[in-house]
Amino acid sequence: MNEGVLRYRGREITAADISFLRQFIHAHSHLSRWKLSRRLCEVWQWKQANGALRDQVCRSALLLLHRSGEIELPPVRRRPLRNYLADRERPEPVVPDNRPVHGSMALLRSQIEIHQVRRTSGEALFNSLMEQYHYLRYDQPVGEHLKYLVTVRGQAIACLAFCSAPRHLAPRDRFIGWDAETRRRNIRLIAYNTRFLILPWVTVPHLASHLLGRVAAIIARDWEQVYAHPVWLLETFVDPARFRGTCYRAANWIPLGSTTGRGKDDLTHKPNRPSKEILVYPLHRRFRDLLSE
């Protein structure tokens, strides 16, 4: 560790913490790694805003310290037969109602319904539609996330997905004006729009920007209902090789610049993927104050 300190997913682990961990592991040597990490989460109060233990994050941090020689974890007692994240089955295909939907926003506006389907019976349909019709296919989010299914007279017309924001994004961080510590503490208050799909049987001018505005009006409430805290800023990436981001601009999203093209796990500091445009949308006029508390 550099200077005796490790910063991992918002928690600073000091040399004193390492000493505590060594004693803690020795005192609980009868526990499996899984039980050990959950016990440690309780001792350190390492929890999500909704009270759930940050067990996966804790296990990853312990494994990192183990591999670097700072601590020695108990032997692995049981190895899984498969990597469930890597080998997860793709969403099952469904035959959707694909009758053409067309007309003006003036005619359809009152008939549009937006459903937050995370942890509901509508989630399977959402996943299947993304898998079948989005060019990136379905991707299972990690961490906090919400899924919106948009319908007209019960027929699916669009899907939007939001998840936890990337931890490091220089143009966004400069726009907010926060330092590294404030970012680590409050990154959970930003939601990243990772998927936006208008289904191929839908032809309605200005629908995309209308939906962005409608979802922006409800997502803070929905996020707080599911995760016990609101979000104050939305962000997204647009691939300029494929899209111009017109609907985001029409919905008053603010362009901030471009990503470095290095990705979150970069070790080489060299671009290894296409650069994307960054756009954000504040959900409150005092968003900077709320993100810096």
C-alpha atoms as a PDB file:
ATOM      1  CA  MET A   1       0.000   0.000   0.000  1.00  0.00           C
ATOM      2  CA  ASN A   2       1.157   3.544  -0.700  1.00  0.00           C
ATOM      3  CA  GLU A   3       2.081   5.314   2.536  1.00  0.00           C
ATOM      4  CA  GLY A   4       0.211   2.734   4.552  1.00  0.00           C
ATOM      5  CA  VAL A   5      -3.214   3.708   3.184  1.00  0.00           C
ATOM      6  CA  LEU A   6      -5.592   1.981   0.758  1.00  0.00           C
ATOM      7  CA  ARG A   7      -8.687   3.699  -0.594  1.00  0.00           C
ATOM      8  CA  TYR A   8     -11.225   1.224  -1.884  1.00  0.00           C
ATOM      9  CA  ARG A   9     -14.783   2.019  -3.002  1.00  0.00           C
ATOM     10  CA  GLY A  10     -15.142   5.009  -0.741  1.00  0.00           C
ATOM     11  CA  ARG A  11     -13.437   3.597   2.361  1.00  0.00           C
ATOM     12  CA  GLU A  12      -9.963   4.485   3.578  1.00  0.00           C
ATOM     13  CA  ILE A  13      -8.101   1.516   5.072  1.00  0.00           C
ATOM     14  CA  THR A  14      -5.179   2.654   7.206  1.00  0.00           C
ATOM     15  CA  ALA A  15      -2.235   0.843   8.735  1.00  0.00           C
ATOM     16  CA  ALA A  16      -4.208   0.676  12.002  1.00  0.00           C
ATOM     17  CA  ASP A  17      -7.063  -0.978  10.106  1.00  0.00           C
ATOM     18  CA  ILE A  18      -4.632  -3.560   8.716  1.00  0.00           C
ATOM     19  CA  SER A  19      -3.478  -4.364  12.243  1.00  0.00           C
ATOM     20  CA  PHE A  20      -7.108  -4.719  13.340  1.00  0.00           C
ATOM     21  CA  LEU A  21      -7.878  -6.972  10.379  1.00  0.00           C
ATOM     22  CA  ARG A  22      -5.023  -9.319  11.206  1.00  0.00           C
ATOM     23  CA  GLN A  23      -6.315  -9.700  14.775  1.00  0.00           C
ATOM     24  CA  PHE A  24      -9.922  -9.969  13.577  1.00  0.00           C
ATOM     25  CA  ILE A  25      -9.095 -12.746  11.112  1.00  0.00           C
ATOM     26  CA  HIS A  26      -7.080 -14.633  13.745  1.00  0.00           C
ATOM     27  CA  ALA A  27      -9.947 -14.390  16.253  1.00  0.00           C
ATOM     28  CA  HIS A  28     -12.447 -15.645  13.658  1.00  0.00           C
ATOM     29  CA  SER A  29     -10.283 -18.187  11.877  1.00  0.00           C
ATOM     30  CA  HIS A  30     -13.134 -20.717  12.041  1.00  0.00           C
ATOM     31  CA  LEU A  31     -15.268 -18.602   9.704  1.00  0.00           C
ATOM     32  CA  SER A  32     -15.351 -18.902   5.932  1.00  0.00           C
ATOM     33  CA  ARG A  33     -14.257 -15.936   3.840  1.00  0.00           C
ATOM     34  CA  TRP A  34     -17.908 -15.183   3.072  1.00  0.00           C
ATOM     35  CA  LYS A  35     -18.960 -15.139   6.729  1.00  0.00           C
ATOM     36  CA  LEU A  36     -15.816 -13.248   7.679  1.00  0.00           C
ATOM     37  CA  SER A  37     -16.586 -10.403   5.271  1.00  0.00           C
ATOM     38  CA  ARG A  38     -20.186 -10.146   6.441  1.00  0.00           C
ATOM     39  CA  ARG A  39     -19.082 -10.026  10.075  1.00  0.00           C
ATOM     40  CA  LEU A  40     -16.558  -7.322   9.202  1.00  0.00           C
ATOM     41  CA  CYS A  41     -19.255  -5.281   7.418  1.00  0.00           C
ATOM     42  CA  GLU A  42     -21.268  -5.320  10.643  1.00  0.00           C
ATOM     43  CA  VAL A  43     -18.295  -4.283  12.760  1.00  0.00           C
ATOM     44  CA  TRP A  44     -17.272  -1.471  10.396  1.00  0.00           C
ATOM     45  CA  GLN A  45     -20.894  -0.540   9.613  1.00  0.00           C
ATOM     46  CA  TRP A  46     -20.012  -0.874   5.929  1.00  0.00           C
ATOM     47  CA  LYS A  47     -23.539  -0.715   4.559  1.00  0.00           C
ATOM     48  CA  GLN A  48     -25.528   0.669   1.679  1.00  0.00           C
ATOM     49  CA  ALA A  49     -27.904   3.558   2.270  1.00  0.00           C
ATOM     50  CA  ASN A  50     -30.814   1.085   2.475  1.00  0.00           C
ATOM     51  CA  GLY A  51     -29.074  -0.848   5.275  1.00  0.00           C
ATOM     52  CA  ALA A  52     -27.870  -3.835   3.214  1.00  0.00           C
ATOM     53  CA  LEU A  53     -24.331  -5.016   3.930  1.00  0.00           C
ATOM     54  CA  ARG A  54     -21.728  -4.078   1.301  1.00  0.00           C
ATOM     55  CA  ASP A  55     -20.595  -7.679   1.325  1.00  0.00           C
ATOM     56  CA  GLN A  56     -19.263  -7.970  -2.230  1.00  0.00           C
ATOM     57  CA  VAL A  57     -17.272  -4.755  -1.900  1.00  0.00           C
ATOM     58  CA  CYS A  58     -15.834  -5.926   1.432  1.00  0.00           C
ATOM     59  CA  ARG A  59     -14.827  -9.310   0.016  1.00  0.00           C
ATOM     60  CA  SER A  60     -13.098  -7.648  -2.911  1.00  0.00           C
ATOM     61  CA  ALA A  61     -11.161  -5.343  -0.574  1.00  0.00           C
ATOM     62  CA  LEU A  62     -10.090  -8.264   1.638  1.00  0.00           C
ATOM     63  CA  LEU A  63      -8.974 -10.247  -1.397  1.00  0.00           C
ATOM     64  CA  LEU A  64      -6.944  -7.268  -2.644  1.00  0.00           C
ATOM     65  CA  LEU A  65      -5.218  -6.969   0.749  1.00  0.00           C
ATOM     66  CA  HIS A  66      -4.638 -10.741   0.821  1.00  0.00           C
ATOM     67  CA  ARG A  67      -3.018 -10.762  -2.625  1.00  0.00           C
ATOM     68  CA  SER A  68      -0.800  -7.803  -1.726  1.00  0.00           C
ATOM     69  CA  GLY A  69       0.451  -9.638   1.383  1.00  0.00           C
ATOM     70  CA  GLU A  70      -1.058  -7.246   3.930  1.00  0.00           C
ATOM     71  CA  ILE A  71      -3.339  -9.891   5.477  1.00  0.00           C
ATOM     72  CA  GLU A  72      -3.801 -13.653   5.217  1.00  0.00           C
ATOM     73  CA  LEU A  73      -7.326 -14.874   4.636  1.00  0.00           C
ATOM     74  CA  PRO A  74      -8.504 -18.359   5.631  1.00  0.00           C
ATOM     75  CA  PRO A  75      -8.191 -20.988   2.893  1.00  0.00           C
ATOM     76  CA  VAL A  76     -10.994 -21.159   0.359  1.00  0.00           C
ATOM     77  CA  ARG A  77     -13.381 -23.842   1.601  1.00  0.00           C
ATOM     78  CA  ARG A  78     -15.544 -24.245  -1.492  1.00  0.00           C
ATOM     79  CA  ARG A  79     -14.918 -23.150  -5.036  1.00  0.00           C
ATOM     80  CA  PRO A  80     -17.986 -22.481  -7.181  1.00  0.00           C
ATOM     81  CA  LEU A  81     -18.393 -24.774 -10.140  1.00  0.00           C
ATOM     82  CA  ARG A  82     -19.122 -21.849 -12.417  1.00  0.00           C
ATOM     83  CA  ASN A  83     -18.813 -18.097 -12.603  1.00  0.00           C
ATOM     84  CA  TYR A  84     -22.440 -17.085 -12.210  1.00  0.00           C
ATOM     85  CA  LEU A  85     -21.860 -13.535 -13.442  1.00  0.00           C
ATOM     86  CA  ALA A  86     -19.978 -14.632 -16.544  1.00  0.00           C
ATOM     87  CA  ASP A  87     -22.185 -17.653 -17.233  1.00  0.00           C
ATOM     88  CA  ARG A  88     -25.534 -16.061 -16.453  1.00  0.00           C
ATOM     89  CA  GLU A  89     -28.158 -17.134 -18.960  1.00  0.00           C
ATOM     90  CA  ARG A  90     -29.288 -14.465 -21.371  1.00  0.00           C
ATOM     91  CA  PRO A  91     -32.852 -13.150 -20.906  1.00  0.00           C
ATOM     92  CA  GLU A  92     -35.396 -15.425 -22.523  1.00  0.00           C
ATOM     93  CA  PRO A  93     -36.824 -14.063 -25.778  1.00  0.00           C
ATOM     94  CA  VAL A  94     -40.454 -13.005 -25.747  1.00  0.00           C
ATOM     95  CA  VAL A  95     -42.743 -12.291 -28.665  1.00  0.00           C
ATOM     96  CA  PRO A  96     -43.744  -8.684 -28.016  1.00  0.00           C
ATOM     97  CA  ASP A  97     -46.771  -6.818 -29.251  1.00  0.00           C
ATOM     98  CA  ASN A  98     -45.103  -5.176 -32.238  1.00  0.00           C
ATOM     99  CA  ARG A  99     -48.046  -3.491 -33.890  1.00  0.00           C
ATOM    100  CA  PRO A 100     -46.932  -0.153 -35.376  1.00  0.00           C
ATOM    101  CA  VAL A 101     -47.222   2.811 -33.023  1.00  0.00           C
ATOM    102  CA  HIS A 102     -47.176   6.153 -34.779  1.00  0.00           C
ATOM    103  CA  GLY A 103     -48.705   9.583 -34.496  1.00  0.00           C
ATOM    104  CA  SER A 104     -47.927  12.890 -32.853  1.00  0.00           C
ATOM    105  CA  MET A 105     -46.956  13.550 -29.247  1.00  0.00           C
ATOM    106  CA  ALA A 106     -50.101  15.666 -28.903  1.00  0.00           C
ATOM    107  CA  LEU A 107     -52.222  12.569 -29.563  1.00  0.00           C
ATOM    108  CA  LEU A 108     -50.181  10.051 -27.554  1.00  0.00           C
ATOM    109  CA  ARG A 109     -48.993  12.136 -24.602  1.00  0.00           C
ATOM    110  CA  SER A 110     -51.936  11.301 -22.324  1.00  0.00           C
ATOM    111  CA  GLN A 111     -51.702   7.578 -23.136  1.00  0.00           C
ATOM    112  CA  ILE A 112     -48.029   7.143 -22.228  1.00  0.00           C
ATOM    113  CA  GLU A 113     -47.367   5.325 -18.951  1.00  0.00           C
ATOM    114  CA  ILE A 114     -43.937   4.911 -17.361  1.00  0.00           C
ATOM    115  CA  HIS A 115     -43.430   1.935 -15.043  1.00  0.00           C
ATOM    116  CA  GLN A 116     -40.435   1.388 -12.758  1.00  0.00           C
ATOM    117  CA  VAL A 117     -40.113  -2.406 -13.150  1.00  0.00           C
ATOM    118  CA  ARG A 118     -37.050  -3.205 -11.027  1.00  0.00           C
ATOM    119  CA  ARG A 119     -38.061  -6.033  -8.663  1.00  0.00           C
ATOM    120  CA  THR A 120     -41.501  -6.353 -10.310  1.00  0.00           C
ATOM    121  CA  SER A 121     -43.161  -8.816 -12.667  1.00  0.00           C
ATOM    122  CA  GLY A 122     -42.383  -6.469 -15.577  1.00  0.00           C
ATOM    123  CA  GLU A 123     -38.616  -6.818 -15.195  1.00  0.00           C
ATOM    124  CA  ALA A 124     -38.387  -9.974 -17.331  1.00  0.00           C
ATOM    125  CA  LEU A 125     -40.074  -8.223 -20.273  1.00  0.00           C
ATOM    126  CA  PHE A 126     -37.743  -5.243 -19.894  1.00  0.00           C
ATOM    127  CA  ASN A 127     -34.668  -7.513 -19.899  1.00  0.00           C
ATOM    128  CA  SER A 128     -35.882  -9.450 -22.924  1.00  0.00           C
ATOM    129  CA  LEU A 129     -36.649  -6.331 -24.968  1.00  0.00           C
ATOM    130  CA  MET A 130     -33.177  -4.931 -24.242  1.00  0.00           C
ATOM    131  CA  GLU A 131     -31.584  -8.248 -25.194  1.00  0.00           C
ATOM    132  CA  GLN A 132     -33.473  -8.446 -28.485  1.00  0.00           C
ATOM    133  CA  TYR A 133     -33.546  -4.851 -29.689  1.00  0.00           C
ATOM    134  CA  HIS A 134     -30.729  -2.780 -28.137  1.00  0.00           C
ATOM    135  CA  TYR A 135     -27.490  -2.823 -30.136  1.00  0.00           C
ATOM    136  CA  LEU A 136     -25.503  -3.465 -26.927  1.00  0.00           C
ATOM    137  CA  ARG A 137     -27.978  -6.163 -25.797  1.00  0.00           C
ATOM    138  CA  TYR A 138     -28.937  -6.599 -22.143  1.00  0.00           C
ATOM    139  CA  ASP A 139     -26.305  -6.108 -19.461  1.00  0.00           C
ATOM    140  CA  GLN A 140     -27.024  -7.022 -15.849  1.00  0.00           C
ATOM    141  CA  PRO A 141     -26.287  -3.921 -13.741  1.00  0.00           C
ATOM    142  CA  VAL A 142     -24.070  -4.168 -10.673  1.00  0.00           C
ATOM    143  CA  GLY A 143     -25.002  -2.090  -7.657  1.00  0.00           C
ATOM    144  CA  GLU A 144     -27.957   0.254  -7.412  1.00  0.00           C
ATOM    145  CA  HIS A 145     -30.136   0.446 -10.526  1.00  0.00           C
ATOM    146  CA  LEU A 146     -33.644   1.106 -11.799  1.00  0.00           C
ATOM    147  CA  LYS A 147     -35.421  -0.005 -14.962  1.00  0.00           C
ATOM    148  CA  TYR A 148     -38.241   1.864 -16.701  1.00  0.00           C
ATOM    149  CA  LEU A 149     -40.668   0.263 -19.142  1.00  0.00           C
ATOM    150  CA  VAL A 150     -42.776   2.700 -21.175  1.00  0.00           C
ATOM    151  CA  THR A 151     -46.147   1.635 -22.565  1.00  0.00           C
ATOM    152  CA  VAL A 152     -49.021   3.033 -24.615  1.00  0.00           C
ATOM    153  CA  ARG A 153     -52.360   1.303 -24.015  1.00  0.00           C
ATOM    154  CA  GLY A 154     -50.408  -1.571 -22.447  1.00  0.00           C
ATOM    155  CA  GLN A 155     -48.023  -2.003 -25.394  1.00  0.00           C
ATOM    156  CA  ALA A 156     -44.291  -1.583 -24.747  1.00  0.00           C
ATOM    157  CA  ILE A 157     -42.732   1.286 -26.719  1.00  0.00           C
ATOM    158  CA  ALA A 158     -39.472   2.121 -24.891  1.00  0.00           C
ATOM    159  CA  CYS A 159     -37.040   1.090 -22.127  1.00  0.00           C
ATOM    160  CA  LEU A 160     -34.627   3.159 -20.027  1.00  0.00           C
ATOM    161  CA  ALA A 161     -32.046   1.816 -17.562  1.00  0.00           C
ATOM    162  CA  PHE A 162     -30.142   3.723 -14.873  1.00  0.00           C
ATOM    163  CA  CYS A 163     -27.400   2.461 -12.559  1.00  0.00           C
ATOM    164  CA  SER A 164     -24.644   3.639 -10.222  1.00  0.00           C
ATOM    165  CA  ALA A 165     -22.407   6.284 -11.764  1.00  0.00           C
ATOM    166  CA  PRO A 166     -18.744   5.723 -12.718  1.00  0.00           C
ATOM    167  CA  ARG A 167     -16.507   6.724  -9.822  1.00  0.00           C
ATOM    168  CA  HIS A 168     -14.030   8.850 -11.781  1.00  0.00           C
ATOM    169  CA  LEU A 169     -15.146  11.226 -14.518  1.00  0.00           C
ATOM    170  CA  ALA A 170     -13.038  14.374 -14.694  1.00  0.00           C
ATOM    171  CA  PRO A 171     -15.372  16.641 -16.755  1.00  0.00           C
ATOM    172  CA  ARG A 172     -18.309  15.780 -14.493  1.00  0.00           C
ATOM    173  CA  ASP A 173     -16.293  16.265 -11.323  1.00  0.00           C
ATOM    174  CA  ARG A 174     -15.099  19.687 -12.508  1.00  0.00           C
ATOM    175  CA  PHE A 175     -18.673  20.621 -13.425  1.00  0.00           C
ATOM    176  CA  ILE A 176     -19.872  19.776  -9.910  1.00  0.00           C
ATOM    177  CA  GLY A 177     -16.804  21.304  -8.279  1.00  0.00           C
ATOM    178  CA  TRP A 178     -16.189  18.613  -5.711  1.00  0.00           C
ATOM    179  CA  ASP A 179     -12.920  17.169  -4.402  1.00  0.00           C
ATOM    180  CA  ALA A 180     -11.958  13.500  -4.282  1.00  0.00           C
ATOM    181  CA  GLU A 181     -13.235  12.918  -0.754  1.00  0.00           C
ATOM    182  CA  THR A 182     -16.615  14.514  -1.458  1.00  0.00           C
ATOM    183  CA  ARG A 183     -16.890  12.475  -4.652  1.00  0.00           C
ATOM    184  CA  ARG A 184     -16.216   9.220  -2.778  1.00  0.00           C
ATOM    185  CA  ARG A 185     -18.834  10.140  -0.197  1.00  0.00           C
ATOM    186  CA  ASN A 186     -21.560  11.287  -2.594  1.00  0.00           C
ATOM    187  CA  ILE A 187     -21.066   9.395  -5.865  1.00  0.00           C
ATOM    188  CA  ARG A 188     -24.165   7.361  -4.939  1.00  0.00           C
ATOM    189  CA  LEU A 189     -26.235  10.535  -5.508  1.00  0.00           C
ATOM    190  CA  ILE A 190     -25.646  10.385  -9.283  1.00  0.00           C
ATOM    191  CA  ALA A 191     -27.425   7.968 -11.634  1.00  0.00           C
ATOM    192  CA  TYR A 192     -25.971   6.860 -14.970  1.00  0.00           C
ATOM    193  CA  ASN A 193     -28.329   6.298 -17.917  1.00  0.00           C
ATOM    194  CA  THR A 194     -26.738   3.145 -19.281  1.00  0.00           C
ATOM    195  CA  ARG A 195     -29.444   2.114 -21.784  1.00  0.00           C
ATOM    196  CA  PHE A 196     -32.157   3.954 -23.758  1.00  0.00           C
ATOM    197  CA  LEU A 197     -34.238   2.047 -26.297  1.00  0.00           C
ATOM    198  CA  ILE A 198     -37.107   3.182 -28.485  1.00  0.00           C
ATOM    199  CA  LEU A 199     -38.555  -0.030 -29.872  1.00  0.00           C
ATOM    200  CA  PRO A 200     -38.394  -0.455 -33.663  1.00  0.00           C
ATOM    201  CA  TRP A 201     -42.156  -0.491 -34.261  1.00  0.00           C
ATOM    202  CA  VAL A 202     -42.497   3.029 -32.777  1.00  0.00           C
ATOM    203  CA  THR A 203     -42.436   6.163 -34.933  1.00  0.00           C
ATOM    204  CA  VAL A 204     -43.380   9.177 -32.841  1.00  0.00           C
ATOM    205  CA  PRO A 205     -41.518  12.467 -33.370  1.00  0.00           C
ATOM    206  CA  HIS A 206     -39.944  13.928 -30.206  1.00  0.00           C
ATOM    207  CA  LEU A 207     -40.832  10.845 -28.139  1.00  0.00           C
ATOM    208  CA  ALA A 208     -37.275  10.263 -26.907  1.00  0.00           C
ATOM    209  CA  SER A 209     -36.757  13.752 -25.472  1.00  0.00           C
ATOM    210  CA  HIS A 210     -40.259  13.658 -23.957  1.00  0.00           C
ATOM    211  CA  LEU A 211     -39.469  10.404 -22.137  1.00  0.00           C
ATOM    212  CA  LEU A 212     -36.172  11.747 -20.836  1.00  0.00           C
ATOM    213  CA  GLY A 213     -38.056  14.657 -19.321  1.00  0.00           C
ATOM    214  CA  ARG A 214     -40.759  12.451 -17.827  1.00  0.00           C
ATOM    215  CA  VAL A 215     -38.285  10.059 -16.229  1.00  0.00           C
ATOM    216  CA  ALA A 216     -36.190  12.938 -14.873  1.00  0.00           C
ATOM    217  CA  ALA A 217     -39.264  14.148 -13.013  1.00  0.00           C
ATOM    218  CA  ILE A 218     -39.760  10.868 -11.103  1.00  0.00           C
ATOM    219  CA  ILE A 219     -36.389   9.148 -10.765  1.00  0.00           C
ATOM    220  CA  ALA A 220     -35.247  10.892  -7.565  1.00  0.00           C
ATOM    221  CA  ARG A 221     -38.422   9.740  -5.791  1.00  0.00           C
ATOM    222  CA  ASP A 222     -38.160   6.224  -7.199  1.00  0.00           C
ATOM    223  CA  TRP A 223     -34.484   5.909  -6.268  1.00  0.00           C
ATOM    224  CA  GLU A 224     -35.201   6.975  -2.709  1.00  0.00           C
ATOM    225  CA  GLN A 225     -38.067   4.497  -2.469  1.00  0.00           C
ATOM    226  CA  VAL A 226     -35.830   1.577  -3.498  1.00  0.00           C
ATOM    227  CA  TYR A 227     -32.446   2.619  -2.066  1.00  0.00           C
ATOM    228  CA  ALA A 228     -33.323   5.038   0.771  1.00  0.00           C
ATOM    229  CA  HIS A 229     -31.606   8.030  -0.816  1.00  0.00           C
ATOM    230  CA  PRO A 230     -32.369  10.291  -3.796  1.00  0.00           C
ATOM    231  CA  VAL A 231     -30.211  11.165  -6.792  1.00  0.00           C
ATOM    232  CA  TRP A 232     -29.503  14.766  -7.775  1.00  0.00           C
ATOM    233  CA  LEU A 233     -27.775  14.443 -11.151  1.00  0.00           C
ATOM    234  CA  LEU A 234     -28.194  12.195 -14.185  1.00  0.00           C
ATOM    235  CA  GLU A 235     -25.393  11.448 -16.634  1.00  0.00           C
ATOM    236  CA  THR A 236     -24.892   9.436 -19.798  1.00  0.00           C
ATOM    237  CA  PHE A 237     -22.348   8.681 -22.518  1.00  0.00           C
ATOM    238  CA  VAL A 238     -23.098   9.061 -26.236  1.00  0.00           C
ATOM    239  CA  ASP A 239     -20.983   7.294 -28.847  1.00  0.00           C
ATOM    240  CA  PRO A 240     -20.460   9.986 -31.526  1.00  0.00           C
ATOM    241  CA  ALA A 241     -19.616   7.332 -34.118  1.00  0.00           C
ATOM    242  CA  ARG A 242     -23.215   6.094 -33.848  1.00  0.00           C
ATOM    243  CA  PHE A 243     -25.360   8.898 -32.436  1.00  0.00           C
ATOM    244  CA  ARG A 244     -25.543  12.669 -32.236  1.00  0.00           C
ATOM    245  CA  GLY A 245     -27.283  12.828 -28.854  1.00  0.00           C
ATOM    246  CA  THR A 246     -30.050  15.001 -30.307  1.00  0.00           C
ATOM    247  CA  CYS A 247     -32.765  13.755 -27.931  1.00  0.00           C
ATOM    248  CA  TYR A 248     -30.605  14.513 -24.874  1.00  0.00           C
ATOM    249  CA  ARG A 249     -29.892  18.027 -26.057  1.00  0.00           C
ATOM    250  CA  ALA A 250     -33.579  18.547 -26.829  1.00  0.00           C
ATOM    251  CA  ALA A 251     -34.332  17.478 -23.248  1.00  0.00           C
ATOM    252  CA  ASN A 252     -31.840  20.098 -21.954  1.00  0.00           C
ATOM    253  CA  TRP A 253     -29.040  17.726 -20.992  1.00  0.00           C
ATOM    254  CA  ILE A 254     -25.716  19.568 -20.774  1.00  0.00           C
ATOM    255  CA  PRO A 255     -22.665  18.388 -22.798  1.00  0.00           C
ATOM    256  CA  LEU A 256     -19.465  18.437 -20.715  1.00  0.00           C
ATOM    257  CA  GLY A 257     -16.812  17.047 -23.049  1.00  0.00           C
ATOM    258  CA  SER A 258     -15.546  13.562 -23.779  1.00  0.00           C
ATOM    259  CA  THR A 259     -14.244  10.530 -21.921  1.00  0.00           C
ATOM    260  CA  THR A 260     -10.562   9.620 -22.149  1.00  0.00           C
ATOM    261  CA  GLY A 261     -11.321   6.273 -23.805  1.00  0.00           C
ATOM    262  CA  ARG A 262      -9.413   4.373 -21.116  1.00  0.00           C
ATOM    263  CA  GLY A 263     -12.192   2.705 -19.132  1.00  0.00           C
ATOM    264  CA  LYS A 264     -12.585   2.315 -15.364  1.00  0.00           C
ATOM    265  CA  ASP A 265     -10.031  -0.525 -14.990  1.00  0.00           C
ATOM    266  CA  ASP A 266      -7.256   1.104 -17.031  1.00  0.00           C
ATOM    267  CA  LEU A 267      -3.697   0.381 -15.913  1.00  0.00           C
ATOM    268  CA  THR A 268      -1.782   1.632 -18.989  1.00  0.00           C
ATOM    269  CA  HIS A 269      -3.089   5.231 -19.096  1.00  0.00           C
ATOM    270  CA  LYS A 270      -3.541   4.795 -22.846  1.00  0.00           C
ATOM    271  CA  PRO A 271      -6.852   4.874 -24.763  1.00  0.00           C
ATOM    272  CA  ASN A 272      -8.213   1.365 -25.346  1.00  0.00           C
ATOM    273  CA  ARG A 273     -11.799   2.078 -26.425  1.00  0.00           C
ATOM    274  CA  PRO A 274     -13.758   4.756 -28.316  1.00  0.00           C
ATOM    275  CA  SER A 275     -14.085   8.130 -26.613  1.00  0.00           C
ATOM    276  CA  LYS A 276     -17.684   9.105 -25.797  1.00  0.00           C
ATOM    277  CA  GLU A 277     -19.446  12.387 -25.208  1.00  0.00           C
ATOM    278  CA  ILE A 278     -20.543  13.083 -21.620  1.00  0.00           C
ATOM    279  CA  LEU A 279     -23.919  14.708 -20.947  1.00  0.00           C
ATOM    280  CA  VAL A 280     -25.540  15.493 -17.598  1.00  0.00           C
ATOM    281  CA  TYR A 281     -28.923  16.628 -16.342  1.00  0.00           C
ATOM    282  CA  PRO A 282     -29.326  18.311 -12.905  1.00  0.00           C
ATOM    283  CA  LEU A 283     -32.454  17.241 -11.029  1.00  0.00           C
ATOM    284  CA  HIS A 284     -32.463  20.187  -8.615  1.00  0.00           C
ATOM    285  CA  ARG A 285     -31.426  23.820  -8.977  1.00  0.00           C
ATOM    286  CA  ARG A 286     -29.182  23.392  -5.889  1.00  0.00           C
ATOM    287  CA  PHE A 287     -27.661  20.149  -7.161  1.00  0.00           C
ATOM    288  CA  ARG A 288     -24.085  21.315  -6.517  1.00  0.00           C
ATOM    289  CA  ASP A 289     -24.853  22.063  -2.862  1.00  0.00           C
ATOM    290  CA  LEU A 290     -26.731  18.795  -2.439  1.00  0.00           C
ATOM    291  CA  LEU A 291     -23.875  16.802  -4.002  1.00  0.00           C
ATOM    292  CA  SER A 292     -21.306  18.515  -1.783  1.00  0.00           C
ATOM    293  CA  GLU A 293     -22.961  18.138   1.627  1.00  0.00           C
END
